[in-house]
Amino acid sequence: MTKPTHRTRSGRVLSDEEIEALSAEVAETDYDVEDLKTRRRGRPPMGSGPAEVVPVRIDPELRAAIEARAKADHTTTSEIIREAIRRFLEVA
């Protein structure tokens, strides 16, 4: 049976010594258990309540324009769509 290898996100293989050092570092860290229990999981809330997913059909040209704008603005397609709807409806 082969020994399992552990890699970093970049793909570098970690040695046994590095794994031991990392586990010792984590073991020595003091964690506030109550703080960890109260942390929210999932996506942050948007607006006054939970956000809803609204499926919408769009043509390929509009999709390409949305993606190009999102790339130019360094944001997501969802944020571009939300901003466009806010401006159209003149709401915050």
PDB file of N, CA and C in Angstrom:
ATOM      1  N   MET A   1       0.844  -1.175   0.000  1.00  0.00           N
ATOM      2  CA  MET A   1       0.000   0.000   0.000  1.00  0.00           C
ATOM      3  C   MET A   1       0.893   1.242   0.000  1.00  0.00           C
ATOM      4  N   THR A   2       0.556   2.215  -0.841  1.00  0.00           N
ATOM      5  CA  THR A   2       1.393   3.412  -0.942  1.00  0.00           C
ATOM      6  C   THR A   2       1.013   4.426   0.124  1.00  0.00           C
ATOM      7  N   LYS A   3       1.991   5.199   0.510  1.00  0.00           N
ATOM      8  CA  LYS A   3       1.801   6.225   1.527  1.00  0.00           C
ATOM      9  C   LYS A   3       1.062   7.416   0.896  1.00  0.00           C
ATOM     10  N   PRO A   4       0.028   7.960   1.561  1.00  0.00           N
ATOM     11  CA  PRO A   4      -0.705   9.086   0.978  1.00  0.00           C
ATOM     12  C   PRO A   4       0.183  10.337   0.940  1.00  0.00           C
ATOM     13  N   THR A   5      -0.002  11.133  -0.103  1.00  0.00           N
ATOM     14  CA  THR A   5       0.732  12.395  -0.205  1.00  0.00           C
ATOM     15  C   THR A   5      -0.237  13.541   0.044  1.00  0.00           C
ATOM     16  N   HIS A   6       0.286  14.594   0.623  1.00  0.00           N
ATOM     17  CA  HIS A   6      -0.513  15.785   0.888  1.00  0.00           C
ATOM     18  C   HIS A   6       0.111  16.929   0.119  1.00  0.00           C
ATOM     19  N   ARG A   7      -0.732  17.678  -0.562  1.00  0.00           N
ATOM     20  CA  ARG A   7      -0.250  18.765  -1.410  1.00  0.00           C
ATOM     21  C   ARG A   7      -0.835  20.101  -0.962  1.00  0.00           C
ATOM     22  N   THR A   8      -0.093  21.156  -1.268  1.00  0.00           N
ATOM     23  CA  THR A   8      -0.588  22.505  -1.029  1.00  0.00           C
ATOM     24  C   THR A   8      -1.509  22.880  -2.188  1.00  0.00           C
ATOM     25  N   ARG A   9      -2.146  24.032  -2.086  1.00  0.00           N
ATOM     26  CA  ARG A   9      -3.006  24.477  -3.183  1.00  0.00           C
ATOM     27  C   ARG A   9      -2.239  24.626  -4.477  1.00  0.00           C
ATOM     28  N   SER A  10      -0.968  24.973  -4.378  1.00  0.00           N
ATOM     29  CA  SER A  10      -0.157  25.139  -5.586  1.00  0.00           C
ATOM     30  C   SER A  10       0.326  23.802  -6.142  1.00  0.00           C
ATOM     31  N   GLY A  11       0.091  22.718  -5.411  1.00  0.00           N
ATOM     32  CA  GLY A  11       0.466  21.391  -5.890  1.00  0.00           C
ATOM     33  C   GLY A  11       1.754  20.845  -5.307  1.00  0.00           C
ATOM     34  N   ARG A  12       2.437  21.623  -4.473  1.00  0.00           N
ATOM     35  CA  ARG A  12       3.694  21.166  -3.873  1.00  0.00           C
ATOM     36  C   ARG A  12       3.398  20.078  -2.848  1.00  0.00           C
ATOM     37  N   VAL A  13       4.165  19.011  -2.893  1.00  0.00           N
ATOM     38  CA  VAL A  13       3.992  17.903  -1.951  1.00  0.00           C
ATOM     39  C   VAL A  13       4.623  18.287  -0.616  1.00  0.00           C
ATOM     40  N   LEU A  14       3.863  18.097   0.468  1.00  0.00           N
ATOM     41  CA  LEU A  14       4.367  18.399   1.808  1.00  0.00           C
ATOM     42  C   LEU A  14       5.104  17.191   2.372  1.00  0.00           C
ATOM     43  N   SER A  15       6.208  17.468   3.031  1.00  0.00           N
ATOM     44  CA  SER A  15       6.968  16.391   3.675  1.00  0.00           C
ATOM     45  C   SER A  15       6.319  16.059   5.014  1.00  0.00           C
ATOM     46  N   ASP A  16       6.682  14.907   5.567  1.00  0.00           N
ATOM     47  CA  ASP A  16       6.165  14.523   6.885  1.00  0.00           C
ATOM     48  C   ASP A  16       6.539  15.556   7.942  1.00  0.00           C
ATOM     49  N   GLU A  17       7.749  16.110   7.834  1.00  0.00           N
ATOM     50  CA  GLU A  17       8.201  17.107   8.804  1.00  0.00           C
ATOM     51  C   GLU A  17       7.344  18.371   8.723  1.00  0.00           C
ATOM     52  N   GLU A  18       6.999  18.786   7.507  1.00  0.00           N
ATOM     53  CA  GLU A  18       6.162  19.980   7.335  1.00  0.00           C
ATOM     54  C   GLU A  18       4.763  19.751   7.901  1.00  0.00           C
ATOM     55  N   ILE A  19       4.229  18.568   7.688  1.00  0.00           N
ATOM     56  CA  ILE A  19       2.901  18.246   8.213  1.00  0.00           C
ATOM     57  C   ILE A  19       2.924  18.245   9.733  1.00  0.00           C
ATOM     58  N   GLU A  20       3.959  17.663  10.318  1.00  0.00           N
ATOM     59  CA  GLU A  20       4.098  17.663  11.779  1.00  0.00           C
ATOM     60  C   GLU A  20       4.197  19.080  12.320  1.00  0.00           C
ATOM     61  N   ALA A  21       4.983  19.937  11.653  1.00  0.00           N
ATOM     62  CA  ALA A  21       5.144  21.322  12.100  1.00  0.00           C
ATOM     63  C   ALA A  21       3.821  22.084  12.016  1.00  0.00           C
ATOM     64  N   LEU A  22       3.070  21.871  10.940  1.00  0.00           N
ATOM     65  CA  LEU A  22       1.778  22.535  10.799  1.00  0.00           C
ATOM     66  C   LEU A  22       0.789  22.064  11.856  1.00  0.00           C
ATOM     67  N   SER A  23       0.745  20.776  12.117  1.00  0.00           N
ATOM     68  CA  SER A  23      -0.195  20.262  13.113  1.00  0.00           C
ATOM     69  C   SER A  23       0.185  20.743  14.507  1.00  0.00           C
ATOM     70  N   ALA A  24       1.479  20.849  14.799  1.00  0.00           N
ATOM     71  CA  ALA A  24       1.914  21.363  16.100  1.00  0.00           C
ATOM     72  C   ALA A  24       1.538  22.832  16.241  1.00  0.00           C
ATOM     73  N   GLU A  25       1.672  23.580  15.161  1.00  0.00           N
ATOM     74  CA  GLU A  25       1.319  25.007  15.174  1.00  0.00           C
ATOM     75  C   GLU A  25      -0.167  25.178  15.457  1.00  0.00           C
ATOM     76  N   VAL A  26      -0.996  24.381  14.814  1.00  0.00           N
ATOM     77  CA  VAL A  26      -2.442  24.467  15.014  1.00  0.00           C
ATOM     78  C   VAL A  26      -2.803  24.034  16.431  1.00  0.00           C
ATOM     79  N   ALA A  27      -2.146  22.996  16.941  1.00  0.00           N
ATOM     80  CA  ALA A  27      -2.441  22.489  18.282  1.00  0.00           C
ATOM     81  C   ALA A  27      -2.098  23.517  19.351  1.00  0.00           C
ATOM     82  N   GLU A  28      -1.102  24.351  19.086  1.00  0.00           N
ATOM     83  CA  GLU A  28      -0.687  25.355  20.057  1.00  0.00           C
ATOM     84  C   GLU A  28      -1.545  26.608  20.022  1.00  0.00           C
ATOM     85  N   THR A  29      -2.370  26.755  19.016  1.00  0.00           N
ATOM     86  CA  THR A  29      -3.192  27.947  18.860  1.00  0.00           C
ATOM     87  C   THR A  29      -4.377  27.890  19.815  1.00  0.00           C
ATOM     88  N   ASP A  30      -4.604  29.008  20.510  1.00  0.00           N
ATOM     89  CA  ASP A  30      -5.775  29.111  21.386  1.00  0.00           C
ATOM     90  C   ASP A  30      -6.953  29.622  20.567  1.00  0.00           C
ATOM     91  N   TYR A  31      -8.027  28.873  20.576  1.00  0.00           N
ATOM     92  CA  TYR A  31      -9.232  29.272  19.866  1.00  0.00           C
ATOM     93  C   TYR A  31     -10.304  29.653  20.869  1.00  0.00           C
ATOM     94  N   ASP A  32     -11.044  30.713  20.561  1.00  0.00           N
ATOM     95  CA  ASP A  32     -12.194  31.104  21.371  1.00  0.00           C
ATOM     96  C   ASP A  32     -13.372  30.262  20.890  1.00  0.00           C
ATOM     97  N   VAL A  33     -13.693  29.236  21.633  1.00  0.00           N
ATOM     98  CA  VAL A  33     -14.735  28.286  21.224  1.00  0.00           C
ATOM     99  C   VAL A  33     -16.072  28.983  21.052  1.00  0.00           C
ATOM    100  N   GLU A  34     -16.423  29.899  21.948  1.00  0.00           N
ATOM    101  CA  GLU A  34     -17.705  30.605  21.841  1.00  0.00           C
ATOM    102  C   GLU A  34     -17.756  31.442  20.566  1.00  0.00           C
ATOM    103  N   ASP A  35     -16.634  32.062  20.202  1.00  0.00           N
ATOM    104  CA  ASP A  35     -16.571  32.842  18.970  1.00  0.00           C
ATOM    105  C   ASP A  35     -16.773  31.938  17.760  1.00  0.00           C
ATOM    106  N   LEU A  36     -16.159  30.772  17.779  1.00  0.00           N
ATOM    107  CA  LEU A  36     -16.315  29.839  16.673  1.00  0.00           C
ATOM    108  C   LEU A  36     -17.753  29.356  16.550  1.00  0.00           C
ATOM    109  N   LYS A  37     -18.440  29.178  17.671  1.00  0.00           N
ATOM    110  CA  LYS A  37     -19.831  28.711  17.648  1.00  0.00           C
ATOM    111  C   LYS A  37     -20.772  29.761  17.077  1.00  0.00           C
ATOM    112  N   THR A  38     -20.469  31.048  17.297  1.00  0.00           N
ATOM    113  CA  THR A  38     -21.385  32.109  16.872  1.00  0.00           C
ATOM    114  C   THR A  38     -21.135  32.592  15.458  1.00  0.00           C
ATOM    115  N   ARG A  39     -20.099  32.116  14.808  1.00  0.00           N
ATOM    116  CA  ARG A  39     -19.837  32.551  13.435  1.00  0.00           C
ATOM    117  C   ARG A  39     -20.946  32.083  12.518  1.00  0.00           C
ATOM    118  N   ARG A  40     -21.341  32.979  11.640  1.00  0.00           N
ATOM    119  CA  ARG A  40     -22.382  32.640  10.671  1.00  0.00           C
ATOM    120  C   ARG A  40     -21.770  31.829   9.542  1.00  0.00           C
ATOM    121  N   ARG A  41     -22.517  30.889   9.061  1.00  0.00           N
ATOM    122  CA  ARG A  41     -22.078  30.097   7.920  1.00  0.00           C
ATOM    123  C   ARG A  41     -22.890  30.512   6.702  1.00  0.00           C
ATOM    124  N   GLY A  42     -22.362  30.212   5.547  1.00  0.00           N
ATOM    125  CA  GLY A  42     -23.081  30.488   4.317  1.00  0.00           C
ATOM    126  C   GLY A  42     -22.826  31.886   3.800  1.00  0.00           C
ATOM    127  N   ARG A  43     -23.639  32.273   2.867  1.00  0.00           N
ATOM    128  CA  ARG A  43     -23.468  33.569   2.230  1.00  0.00           C
ATOM    129  C   ARG A  43     -23.992  34.682   3.130  1.00  0.00           C
ATOM    130  N   PRO A  44     -23.380  35.858   3.031  1.00  0.00           N
ATOM    131  CA  PRO A  44     -23.863  36.969   3.836  1.00  0.00           C
ATOM    132  C   PRO A  44     -25.234  37.426   3.344  1.00  0.00           C
ATOM    133  N   PRO A  45     -26.072  37.967   4.246  1.00  0.00           N
ATOM    134  CA  PRO A  45     -27.397  38.421   3.828  1.00  0.00           C
ATOM    135  C   PRO A  45     -27.299  39.615   2.885  1.00  0.00           C
ATOM    136  N   MET A  46     -28.304  39.748   2.033  1.00  0.00           N
ATOM    137  CA  MET A  46     -28.375  40.880   1.105  1.00  0.00           C
ATOM    138  C   MET A  46     -29.667  41.628   1.393  1.00  0.00           C
ATOM    139  N   GLY A  47     -29.571  42.908   1.627  1.00  0.00           N
ATOM    140  CA  GLY A  47     -30.782  43.689   1.847  1.00  0.00           C
ATOM    141  C   GLY A  47     -31.419  43.379   3.187  1.00  0.00           C
ATOM    142  N   SER A  48     -32.743  43.459   3.209  1.00  0.00           N
ATOM    143  CA  SER A  48     -33.470  43.334   4.477  1.00  0.00           C
ATOM    144  C   SER A  48     -33.791  41.896   4.862  1.00  0.00           C
ATOM    145  N   GLY A  49     -33.530  40.952   3.992  1.00  0.00           N
ATOM    146  CA  GLY A  49     -33.848  39.562   4.314  1.00  0.00           C
ATOM    147  C   GLY A  49     -33.066  38.614   3.444  1.00  0.00           C
ATOM    148  N   PRO A  50     -33.401  37.332   3.532  1.00  0.00           N
ATOM    149  CA  PRO A  50     -32.693  36.345   2.724  1.00  0.00           C
ATOM    150  C   PRO A  50     -32.908  36.614   1.233  1.00  0.00           C
ATOM    151  N   ALA A  51     -31.858  36.451   0.448  1.00  0.00           N
ATOM    152  CA  ALA A  51     -31.956  36.655  -0.996  1.00  0.00           C
ATOM    153  C   ALA A  51     -32.616  35.445  -1.644  1.00  0.00           C
ATOM    154  N   GLU A  52     -33.269  35.698  -2.762  1.00  0.00           N
ATOM    155  CA  GLU A  52     -33.897  34.624  -3.525  1.00  0.00           C
ATOM    156  C   GLU A  52     -33.236  34.503  -4.884  1.00  0.00           C
ATOM    157  N   VAL A  53     -33.200  33.300  -5.385  1.00  0.00           N
ATOM    158  CA  VAL A  53     -32.703  33.068  -6.736  1.00  0.00           C
ATOM    159  C   VAL A  53     -33.891  33.178  -7.675  1.00  0.00           C
ATOM    160  N   VAL A  54     -33.734  34.002  -8.729  1.00  0.00           N
ATOM    161  CA  VAL A  54     -34.808  34.205  -9.698  1.00  0.00           C
ATOM    162  C   VAL A  54     -34.277  33.806 -11.073  1.00  0.00           C
ATOM    163  N   PRO A  55     -34.725  32.666 -11.589  1.00  0.00           N
ATOM    164  CA  PRO A  55     -34.244  32.232 -12.898  1.00  0.00           C
ATOM    165  C   PRO A  55     -34.773  33.144 -14.008  1.00  0.00           C
ATOM    166  N   VAL A  56     -33.891  33.553 -14.902  1.00  0.00           N
ATOM    167  CA  VAL A  56     -34.265  34.433 -16.007  1.00  0.00           C
ATOM    168  C   VAL A  56     -33.566  33.932 -17.263  1.00  0.00           C
ATOM    169  N   ARG A  57     -34.297  33.886 -18.364  1.00  0.00           N
ATOM    170  CA  ARG A  57     -33.690  33.498 -19.638  1.00  0.00           C
ATOM    171  C   ARG A  57     -33.172  34.758 -20.330  1.00  0.00           C
ATOM    172  N   ILE A  58     -31.936  34.679 -20.817  1.00  0.00           N
ATOM    173  CA  ILE A  58     -31.369  35.782 -21.588  1.00  0.00           C
ATOM    174  C   ILE A  58     -30.710  35.220 -22.835  1.00  0.00           C
ATOM    175  N   ASP A  59     -30.661  36.051 -23.875  1.00  0.00           N
ATOM    176  CA  ASP A  59     -30.074  35.589 -25.127  1.00  0.00           C
ATOM    177  C   ASP A  59     -28.544  35.584 -25.033  1.00  0.00           C
ATOM    178  N   PRO A  60     -27.888  34.849 -25.918  1.00  0.00           N
ATOM    179  CA  PRO A  60     -26.422  34.722 -25.845  1.00  0.00           C
ATOM    180  C   PRO A  60     -25.684  36.057 -25.950  1.00  0.00           C
ATOM    181  N   GLU A  61     -26.200  36.979 -26.753  1.00  0.00           N
ATOM    182  CA  GLU A  61     -25.538  38.274 -26.904  1.00  0.00           C
ATOM    183  C   GLU A  61     -25.593  39.087 -25.616  1.00  0.00           C
ATOM    184  N   LEU A  62     -26.738  39.064 -24.950  1.00  0.00           N
ATOM    185  CA  LEU A  62     -26.872  39.777 -23.681  1.00  0.00           C
ATOM    186  C   LEU A  62     -25.976  39.131 -22.625  1.00  0.00           C
ATOM    187  N   ARG A  63     -25.931  37.818 -22.606  1.00  0.00           N
ATOM    188  CA  ARG A  63     -25.063  37.109 -21.657  1.00  0.00           C
ATOM    189  C   ARG A  63     -23.598  37.485 -21.876  1.00  0.00           C
ATOM    190  N   ALA A  64     -23.188  37.544 -23.144  1.00  0.00           N
ATOM    191  CA  ALA A  64     -21.813  37.920 -23.461  1.00  0.00           C
ATOM    192  C   ALA A  64     -21.514  39.351 -23.019  1.00  0.00           C
ATOM    193  N   ALA A  65     -22.478  40.250 -23.206  1.00  0.00           N
ATOM    194  CA  ALA A  65     -22.289  41.639 -22.785  1.00  0.00           C
ATOM    195  C   ALA A  65     -22.179  41.743 -21.270  1.00  0.00           C
ATOM    196  N   ILE A  66     -22.990  40.980 -20.552  1.00  0.00           N
ATOM    197  CA  ILE A  66     -22.941  40.972 -19.084  1.00  0.00           C
ATOM    198  C   ILE A  66     -21.588  40.441 -18.609  1.00  0.00           C
ATOM    199  N   GLU A  67     -21.135  39.349 -19.200  1.00  0.00           N
ATOM    200  CA  GLU A  67     -19.855  38.766 -18.811  1.00  0.00           C
ATOM    201  C   GLU A  67     -18.694  39.707 -19.112  1.00  0.00           C
ATOM    202  N   ALA A  68     -18.759  40.398 -20.258  1.00  0.00           N
ATOM    203  CA  ALA A  68     -17.693  41.341 -20.611  1.00  0.00           C
ATOM    204  C   ALA A  68     -17.652  42.493 -19.616  1.00  0.00           C
ATOM    205  N   ARG A  69     -18.832  43.000 -19.235  1.00  0.00           N
ATOM    206  CA  ARG A  69     -18.880  44.101 -18.268  1.00  0.00           C
ATOM    207  C   ARG A  69     -18.372  43.646 -16.908  1.00  0.00           C
ATOM    208  N   ALA A  70     -18.751  42.457 -16.499  1.00  0.00           N
ATOM    209  CA  ALA A  70     -18.297  41.927 -15.209  1.00  0.00           C
ATOM    210  C   ALA A  70     -16.773  41.785 -15.207  1.00  0.00           C
ATOM    211  N   LYS A  71     -16.223  41.305 -16.300  1.00  0.00           N
ATOM    212  CA  LYS A  71     -14.770  41.154 -16.380  1.00  0.00           C
ATOM    213  C   LYS A  71     -14.089  42.515 -16.339  1.00  0.00           C
ATOM    214  N   ALA A  72     -14.628  43.485 -17.069  1.00  0.00           N
ATOM    215  CA  ALA A  72     -14.042  44.828 -17.098  1.00  0.00           C
ATOM    216  C   ALA A  72     -14.114  45.502 -15.732  1.00  0.00           C
ATOM    217  N   ASP A  73     -15.195  45.242 -14.996  1.00  0.00           N
ATOM    218  CA  ASP A  73     -15.396  45.857 -13.676  1.00  0.00           C
ATOM    219  C   ASP A  73     -14.813  45.014 -12.538  1.00  0.00           C
ATOM    220  N   HIS A  74     -14.216  43.872 -12.868  1.00  0.00           N
ATOM    221  CA  HIS A  74     -13.654  42.959 -11.865  1.00  0.00           C
ATOM    222  C   HIS A  74     -14.710  42.583 -10.815  1.00  0.00           C
ATOM    223  N   THR A  75     -15.862  42.158 -11.296  1.00  0.00           N
ATOM    224  CA  THR A  75     -16.955  41.751 -10.405  1.00  0.00           C
ATOM    225  C   THR A  75     -17.634  40.522 -10.998  1.00  0.00           C
ATOM    226  N   THR A  76     -18.788  40.179 -10.461  1.00  0.00           N
ATOM    227  CA  THR A  76     -19.499  38.988 -10.924  1.00  0.00           C
ATOM    228  C   THR A  76     -20.644  39.370 -11.855  1.00  0.00           C
ATOM    229  N   THR A  77     -21.083  38.390 -12.635  1.00  0.00           N
ATOM    230  CA  THR A  77     -22.237  38.636 -13.499  1.00  0.00           C
ATOM    231  C   THR A  77     -23.475  38.919 -12.657  1.00  0.00           C
ATOM    232  N   SER A  78     -23.598  38.261 -11.522  1.00  0.00           N
ATOM    233  CA  SER A  78     -24.750  38.498 -10.645  1.00  0.00           C
ATOM    234  C   SER A  78     -24.793  39.943 -10.170  1.00  0.00           C
ATOM    235  N   GLU A  79     -23.634  40.490  -9.808  1.00  0.00           N
ATOM    236  CA  GLU A  79     -23.606  41.878  -9.333  1.00  0.00           C
ATOM    237  C   GLU A  79     -23.955  42.851 -10.456  1.00  0.00           C
ATOM    238  N   ILE A  80     -23.516  42.573 -11.673  1.00  0.00           N
ATOM    239  CA  ILE A  80     -23.867  43.414 -12.822  1.00  0.00           C
ATOM    240  C   ILE A  80     -25.376  43.397 -13.039  1.00  0.00           C
ATOM    241  N   ILE A  81     -25.984  42.232 -12.983  1.00  0.00           N
ATOM    242  CA  ILE A  81     -27.430  42.104 -13.180  1.00  0.00           C
ATOM    243  C   ILE A  81     -28.186  42.818 -12.069  1.00  0.00           C
ATOM    244  N   ARG A  82     -27.757  42.624 -10.795  1.00  0.00           N
ATOM    245  CA  ARG A  82     -28.432  43.309  -9.683  1.00  0.00           C
ATOM    246  C   ARG A  82     -28.351  44.822  -9.832  1.00  0.00           C
ATOM    247  N   GLU A  83     -27.172  45.326 -10.196  1.00  0.00           N
ATOM    248  CA  GLU A  83     -26.997  46.772 -10.354  1.00  0.00           C
ATOM    249  C   GLU A  83     -27.861  47.307 -11.491  1.00  0.00           C
ATOM    250  N   ALA A  84     -27.941  46.582 -12.596  1.00  0.00           N
ATOM    251  CA  ALA A  84     -28.774  47.008 -13.732  1.00  0.00           C
ATOM    252  C   ALA A  84     -30.247  47.085 -13.322  1.00  0.00           C
ATOM    253  N   ILE A  85     -30.711  46.099 -12.580  1.00  0.00           N
ATOM    254  CA  ILE A  85     -32.108  46.102 -12.133  1.00  0.00           C
ATOM    255  C   ILE A  85     -32.358  47.252 -11.161  1.00  0.00           C
ATOM    256  N   ARG A  86     -31.416  47.477 -10.220  1.00  0.00           N
ATOM    257  CA  ARG A  86     -31.568  48.601  -9.282  1.00  0.00           C
ATOM    258  C   ARG A  86     -31.679  49.928 -10.027  1.00  0.00           C
ATOM    259  N   ARG A  87     -30.808  50.134 -11.020  1.00  0.00           N
ATOM    260  CA  ARG A  87     -30.846  51.394 -11.778  1.00  0.00           C
ATOM    261  C   ARG A  87     -32.130  51.524 -12.569  1.00  0.00           C
ATOM    262  N   PHE A  88     -32.581  50.440 -13.189  1.00  0.00           N
ATOM    263  CA  PHE A  88     -33.804  50.464 -13.977  1.00  0.00           C
ATOM    264  C   PHE A  88     -35.011  50.797 -13.103  1.00  0.00           C
ATOM    265  N   LEU A  89     -35.069  50.184 -11.935  1.00  0.00           N
ATOM    266  CA  LEU A  89     -36.198  50.406 -11.032  1.00  0.00           C
ATOM    267  C   LEU A  89     -36.006  51.605 -10.108  1.00  0.00           C
ATOM    268  N   GLU A  90     -34.811  52.203 -10.149  1.00  0.00           N
ATOM    269  CA  GLU A  90     -34.475  53.346  -9.314  1.00  0.00           C
ATOM    270  C   GLU A  90     -34.680  53.065  -7.825  1.00  0.00           C
ATOM    271  N   VAL A  91     -34.092  51.931  -7.391  1.00  0.00           N
ATOM    272  CA  VAL A  91     -34.139  51.555  -5.976  1.00  0.00           C
ATOM    273  C   VAL A  91     -32.717  51.360  -5.480  1.00  0.00           C
ATOM    274  N   ALA A  92     -32.545  51.463  -4.162  1.00  0.00           N
ATOM    275  CA  ALA A  92     -31.205  51.315  -3.578  1.00  0.00           C
ATOM    276  C   ALA A  92     -30.817  49.921  -3.584  1.00  0.00           C
TER     277      ALA A  92
END
